[in-house]
Protein backbone atom coordinates (compact mmCIF):
# COMPACT_ATOMS: atom_id res chain seq x y z
CA MET A 1 -18.86 -18.10 -57.88
CA PHE A 2 -18.16 -21.52 -59.41
CA ALA A 3 -14.38 -21.36 -59.49
CA GLU A 4 -12.17 -24.42 -59.15
CA PRO A 5 -9.31 -23.06 -57.01
CA PHE A 6 -7.83 -26.45 -56.14
CA ALA A 7 -7.74 -27.84 -59.70
CA SER A 8 -4.95 -25.67 -61.09
CA GLY A 9 -2.01 -27.02 -59.11
CA GLN A 10 1.06 -28.73 -60.50
CA THR A 11 1.92 -31.05 -57.60
CA TRP A 12 2.39 -34.80 -57.69
CA VAL A 13 -1.10 -35.18 -56.21
CA HIS A 14 -2.57 -33.49 -59.29
CA GLY A 15 -0.53 -35.86 -61.45
CA LEU A 16 -2.12 -38.98 -59.98
CA ASP A 17 -4.65 -40.92 -62.00
CA PRO A 18 -8.10 -39.38 -61.30
CA ARG A 19 -9.62 -42.83 -60.88
CA LEU A 20 -7.13 -43.66 -58.16
CA ARG A 21 -7.76 -40.35 -56.38
CA LEU A 22 -11.52 -40.80 -56.42
CA CYS A 23 -11.38 -44.40 -55.18
CA THR A 24 -8.92 -43.41 -52.45
CA ALA A 25 -11.21 -40.64 -51.23
CA LEU A 26 -14.25 -42.94 -51.21
CA VAL A 27 -12.52 -45.81 -49.38
CA PHE A 28 -10.87 -43.45 -46.90
CA SER A 29 -14.09 -41.57 -46.13
CA CYS A 30 -16.20 -44.73 -45.77
CA THR A 31 -13.61 -46.32 -43.48
CA LEU A 32 -13.30 -43.21 -41.35
CA ALA A 33 -17.06 -42.63 -41.19
CA MET A 34 -17.59 -46.05 -39.57
CA THR A 35 -14.95 -45.69 -36.89
CA THR A 36 -15.94 -45.14 -33.27
CA SER A 37 -12.44 -44.52 -31.93
CA THR A 38 -11.06 -41.04 -31.35
CA GLN A 39 -7.53 -42.33 -31.88
CA GLU A 40 -8.45 -43.69 -35.33
CA ALA A 41 -10.15 -40.42 -36.22
CA ILE A 42 -7.05 -38.42 -35.23
CA PHE A 43 -4.85 -40.76 -37.25
CA GLY A 44 -7.12 -40.30 -40.27
CA LEU A 45 -7.16 -36.52 -39.83
CA VAL A 46 -3.35 -36.39 -39.76
CA ALA A 47 -3.11 -38.55 -42.89
CA ALA A 48 -5.66 -36.39 -44.74
CA LEU A 49 -3.86 -33.22 -43.67
CA LEU A 50 -0.51 -34.52 -44.93
CA LEU A 51 -2.00 -35.42 -48.30
CA LEU A 52 -3.68 -32.01 -48.50
CA LEU A 53 -0.40 -30.24 -47.74
CA CYS A 54 1.22 -32.17 -50.59
CA SER A 55 -1.39 -30.76 -52.98
CA GLN A 56 -0.48 -27.18 -51.91
CA PRO A 57 -4.02 -25.75 -51.83
CA PRO A 58 -4.64 -21.98 -51.82
CA LEU A 59 -5.24 -20.96 -48.23
CA ARG A 60 -8.15 -18.55 -48.61
CA PRO A 61 -10.52 -20.95 -50.49
CA LEU A 62 -9.45 -23.73 -48.13
CA GLY A 63 -10.28 -21.59 -45.10
CA ARG A 64 -13.71 -20.72 -46.48
CA ARG A 65 -14.62 -24.36 -47.03
CA LEU A 66 -13.36 -25.47 -43.65
CA MET A 67 -15.23 -22.60 -42.04
CA ALA A 68 -18.47 -23.70 -43.71
CA VAL A 69 -18.04 -27.22 -42.35
CA ASN A 70 -17.09 -26.12 -38.85
CA VAL A 71 -19.88 -23.54 -38.59
CA PHE A 72 -22.30 -26.44 -39.01
CA LEU A 73 -20.35 -28.43 -36.43
CA LEU A 74 -20.61 -25.49 -34.04
CA PHE A 75 -24.36 -26.09 -33.77
CA LEU A 76 -23.60 -29.69 -32.79
CA TRP A 77 -21.25 -28.45 -30.08
CA LEU A 78 -24.04 -26.23 -28.75
CA THR A 79 -26.75 -28.90 -28.73
CA VAL A 80 -25.36 -32.45 -28.56
CA PRO A 81 -23.51 -32.25 -25.20
CA CYS A 82 -26.60 -30.80 -23.52
CA SER A 83 -28.98 -33.39 -24.98
CA THR A 84 -26.93 -36.59 -24.61
CA PRO A 85 -27.53 -38.55 -21.41
CA GLY A 86 -24.61 -39.46 -19.20
CA PRO A 87 -22.43 -38.14 -16.40
CA ALA A 88 -21.99 -34.38 -16.49
CA ALA A 89 -18.60 -32.97 -17.44
CA PHE A 90 -19.46 -29.43 -16.33
CA HIS A 91 -22.45 -27.15 -15.86
CA ILE A 92 -23.39 -23.90 -17.57
CA GLY A 93 -26.10 -22.36 -15.43
CA PRO A 94 -29.07 -24.75 -15.46
CA LEU A 95 -27.60 -26.77 -18.35
CA SER A 96 -25.31 -29.72 -17.89
CA CYS A 97 -22.91 -30.89 -20.60
CA SER A 98 -22.47 -34.64 -20.50
CA LEU A 99 -19.11 -36.29 -21.01
CA PRO A 100 -20.45 -38.82 -23.60
CA GLY A 101 -21.96 -35.92 -25.55
CA LEU A 102 -18.65 -34.06 -25.63
CA GLN A 103 -16.83 -37.21 -26.72
CA LEU A 104 -19.38 -37.84 -29.46
CA VAL A 105 -19.27 -34.34 -30.92
CA TRP A 106 -15.46 -34.32 -30.76
CA LEU A 107 -15.40 -37.58 -32.72
CA VAL A 108 -17.81 -36.17 -35.30
CA THR A 109 -15.68 -33.03 -35.64
CA LEU A 110 -12.52 -35.03 -36.27
CA LYS A 111 -14.16 -37.28 -38.85
CA ALA A 112 -15.95 -34.44 -40.66
CA ASN A 113 -12.77 -32.40 -41.03
CA ALA A 114 -10.73 -35.43 -42.11
CA ILE A 115 -13.26 -36.40 -44.80
CA THR A 116 -13.45 -32.78 -45.99
CA LEU A 117 -9.67 -32.55 -46.28
CA ILE A 118 -9.32 -35.82 -48.17
CA PHE A 119 -12.00 -34.83 -50.68
CA ILE A 120 -10.39 -31.43 -51.21
CA ALA A 121 -7.02 -33.09 -51.78
CA CYS A 122 -8.22 -35.90 -54.05
CA VAL A 123 -11.48 -34.81 -55.70
CA ALA A 124 -11.57 -31.01 -55.64
CA SER A 125 -8.09 -31.02 -57.18
CA MET A 126 -9.55 -32.11 -60.53
CA PRO A 127 -11.79 -30.03 -62.83
CA VAL A 128 -15.47 -30.90 -62.90
CA ALA A 129 -15.24 -32.11 -66.50
CA ARG A 130 -12.46 -34.53 -65.58
CA PHE A 131 -14.42 -35.62 -62.54
CA GLY A 132 -17.34 -36.52 -64.82
CA HIS A 133 -15.10 -38.49 -67.17
CA THR A 134 -13.59 -40.24 -64.17
CA LEU A 135 -17.02 -41.36 -63.01
CA TYR A 136 -17.81 -42.60 -66.51
CA SER A 137 -14.52 -44.52 -66.71
CA LEU A 138 -15.45 -46.21 -63.42
CA HIS A 139 -18.65 -47.47 -65.12
CA MET A 140 -20.96 -44.96 -63.51
CA SER A 141 -24.23 -44.46 -65.36
CA GLY A 142 -23.73 -42.41 -68.51
CA LYS A 143 -27.00 -40.57 -67.94
CA PHE A 144 -25.91 -39.60 -64.44
CA VAL A 145 -22.59 -38.23 -65.72
CA PHE A 146 -24.39 -36.40 -68.52
CA LEU A 147 -26.81 -34.85 -66.02
CA LEU A 148 -23.98 -33.88 -63.67
CA LEU A 149 -21.94 -32.08 -66.31
CA PHE A 150 -24.89 -30.28 -67.82
CA THR A 151 -26.18 -29.24 -64.41
CA TYR A 152 -22.78 -27.70 -63.69
CA ARG A 153 -22.88 -25.92 -67.06
CA SER A 154 -26.41 -24.67 -66.39
CA LEU A 155 -25.30 -23.01 -63.17
CA PHE A 156 -23.10 -20.70 -65.23
CA LEU A 157 -25.99 -19.90 -67.55
CA LEU A 158 -28.25 -18.99 -64.65
CA ALA A 159 -25.56 -16.88 -62.98
CA ASP A 160 -24.72 -15.09 -66.23
CA GLU A 161 -28.34 -14.23 -67.03
CA TRP A 162 -28.99 -13.13 -63.45
CA GLN A 163 -26.01 -10.78 -63.51
CA ARG A 164 -27.09 -9.27 -66.84
CA LEU A 165 -30.63 -8.59 -65.70
CA ASN A 166 -29.49 -7.36 -62.31
CA THR A 167 -27.11 -4.92 -64.00
CA ALA A 168 -29.95 -3.66 -66.20
CA LEU A 169 -32.08 -3.04 -63.12
CA ARG A 170 -29.34 -1.09 -61.41
CA LEU A 171 -28.84 1.04 -64.53
CA HIS A 172 -32.55 1.92 -64.23
CA ASN A 173 -31.98 3.01 -60.62
CA PHE A 174 -33.89 0.12 -59.10
CA VAL A 175 -33.44 -0.18 -55.34
CA ALA A 176 -34.93 -3.21 -53.62
CA ALA A 177 -37.29 -2.45 -50.74
CA THR A 178 -40.10 -4.12 -48.82
CA ASN A 179 -42.96 -3.02 -51.06
CA LEU A 180 -45.18 -4.55 -53.72
CA HIS A 181 -43.27 -2.95 -56.60
CA SER A 182 -39.97 -4.54 -55.48
CA TYR A 183 -41.60 -7.96 -55.06
CA ARG A 184 -43.09 -7.78 -58.57
CA THR A 185 -39.78 -6.66 -60.04
CA LEU A 186 -37.81 -9.43 -58.35
CA GLY A 187 -40.41 -11.99 -59.41
CA SER A 188 -40.13 -10.80 -63.00
CA LEU A 189 -36.35 -10.91 -62.70
CA ILE A 190 -36.40 -14.54 -61.60
CA GLY A 191 -38.85 -15.48 -64.34
CA LEU A 192 -36.82 -13.74 -67.06
CA THR A 193 -33.66 -15.43 -65.77
CA LEU A 194 -35.21 -18.88 -66.12
CA VAL A 195 -36.74 -18.14 -69.55
CA ARG A 196 -33.54 -16.69 -71.00
CA SER A 197 -31.45 -19.50 -69.56
CA PHE A 198 -33.82 -22.01 -71.14
CA ASP A 199 -33.46 -20.28 -74.51
CA ARG A 200 -29.68 -20.23 -74.25
CA ALA A 201 -29.65 -23.90 -73.28
CA GLY A 202 -31.69 -24.68 -76.38
CA ARG A 203 -29.25 -22.81 -78.60
CA ILE A 204 -26.33 -24.61 -76.99
CA HIS A 205 -28.02 -27.97 -77.60
CA GLN A 206 -28.58 -27.11 -81.27
CA ALA A 207 -24.95 -26.07 -81.63
CA MET A 208 -23.84 -29.35 -80.08
CA LEU A 209 -26.02 -31.34 -82.47
CA LEU A 210 -24.52 -29.45 -85.41
CA ARG A 211 -21.09 -30.51 -84.16
CA GLY A 212 -22.03 -34.18 -84.10
CA PHE A 213 -23.06 -34.63 -80.48
CA ASN A 214 -24.44 -38.17 -80.04
CA GLY A 215 -25.38 -38.16 -76.36
CA SER A 216 -22.00 -39.04 -74.88
CA PHE A 217 -18.88 -37.10 -73.97
CA ASN A 218 -15.46 -38.01 -75.28
CA SER A 219 -12.44 -37.01 -73.26
CA LEU A 220 -9.14 -36.09 -74.90
CA ALA A 221 -7.29 -37.10 -71.73
CA GLU A 222 -6.32 -40.75 -71.45
CA PHE A 223 -6.38 -42.28 -67.99
CA ARG A 224 -3.49 -44.64 -67.38
CA PHE A 225 -1.48 -45.78 -64.39
CA THR A 226 2.12 -44.63 -64.05
CA TRP A 227 4.91 -45.47 -61.62
CA LEU A 228 3.72 -42.59 -59.44
CA ASP A 229 0.25 -44.13 -59.18
CA THR A 230 1.81 -47.47 -58.26
CA LEU A 231 3.84 -45.88 -55.47
CA PHE A 232 0.81 -44.01 -54.15
CA LEU A 233 -1.32 -47.15 -54.25
CA ALA A 234 1.35 -49.07 -52.32
CA ALA A 235 1.55 -46.27 -49.72
CA ALA A 236 -2.24 -46.25 -49.40
CA LEU A 237 -2.32 -50.02 -48.87
CA VAL A 238 0.37 -49.73 -46.18
CA PHE A 239 -1.68 -46.99 -44.52
CA PHE A 240 -4.81 -49.14 -44.40
CA VAL A 241 -2.87 -52.15 -43.11
CA LEU A 242 -1.44 -50.07 -40.27
CA TYR A 243 -4.84 -48.53 -39.66
CA PHE A 244 -6.58 -51.86 -39.19
CA MET A 245 -3.77 -53.69 -37.42
CA PHE A 246 -2.54 -51.21 -34.83
CA LEU A 247 -5.52 -48.94 -34.14
């Protein structure tokens, strides 16, 4: 449920400094989000796709994430062209799809997929713990990083307790239905999940205090630039120069 399928690769993209990857994704996505040119969006999509191919992502998780993004975009394709004023491109019965609406939703589709691909290549390719340490090394608020990492850990606690209680219900031949007994049982299940997760979180906190936890996380991995990071940074700068000069 909370797997990290893109973080286990051994490509040169995974070997880049996490700080460089995160900053690249942020600058790339902000630059692409502000563009109003279809040509620039296509150029950005191609660049993001090439970087993603270099990271060799597993195809099935990649397809699921792209499908989730494009299912949302499908609703834009169904609504934006019919609600944007302008000359009609074609008619579907009483509805008319405007040419500016089609151009707008096509631009949004290109930018959304490009930003998704660049974040999968640069950010999803690192474990969540390393992502938190990367944010902290970039002088992000320590409390925010602490909250992020513990929220991620709490998701596993909730999922684990829910699966245990759900298994116990199935062993007692419980079958959910639309009746008062099922509603009460499911309500009790949710309440027990939260209570047990809270108790487990308290035990984990006590164990951390016994091990000398002082409110901050210390990473065993040292972030440092290598020749590979220098080459990637130079390539990224060339990309942005070409992007702004010729597009």
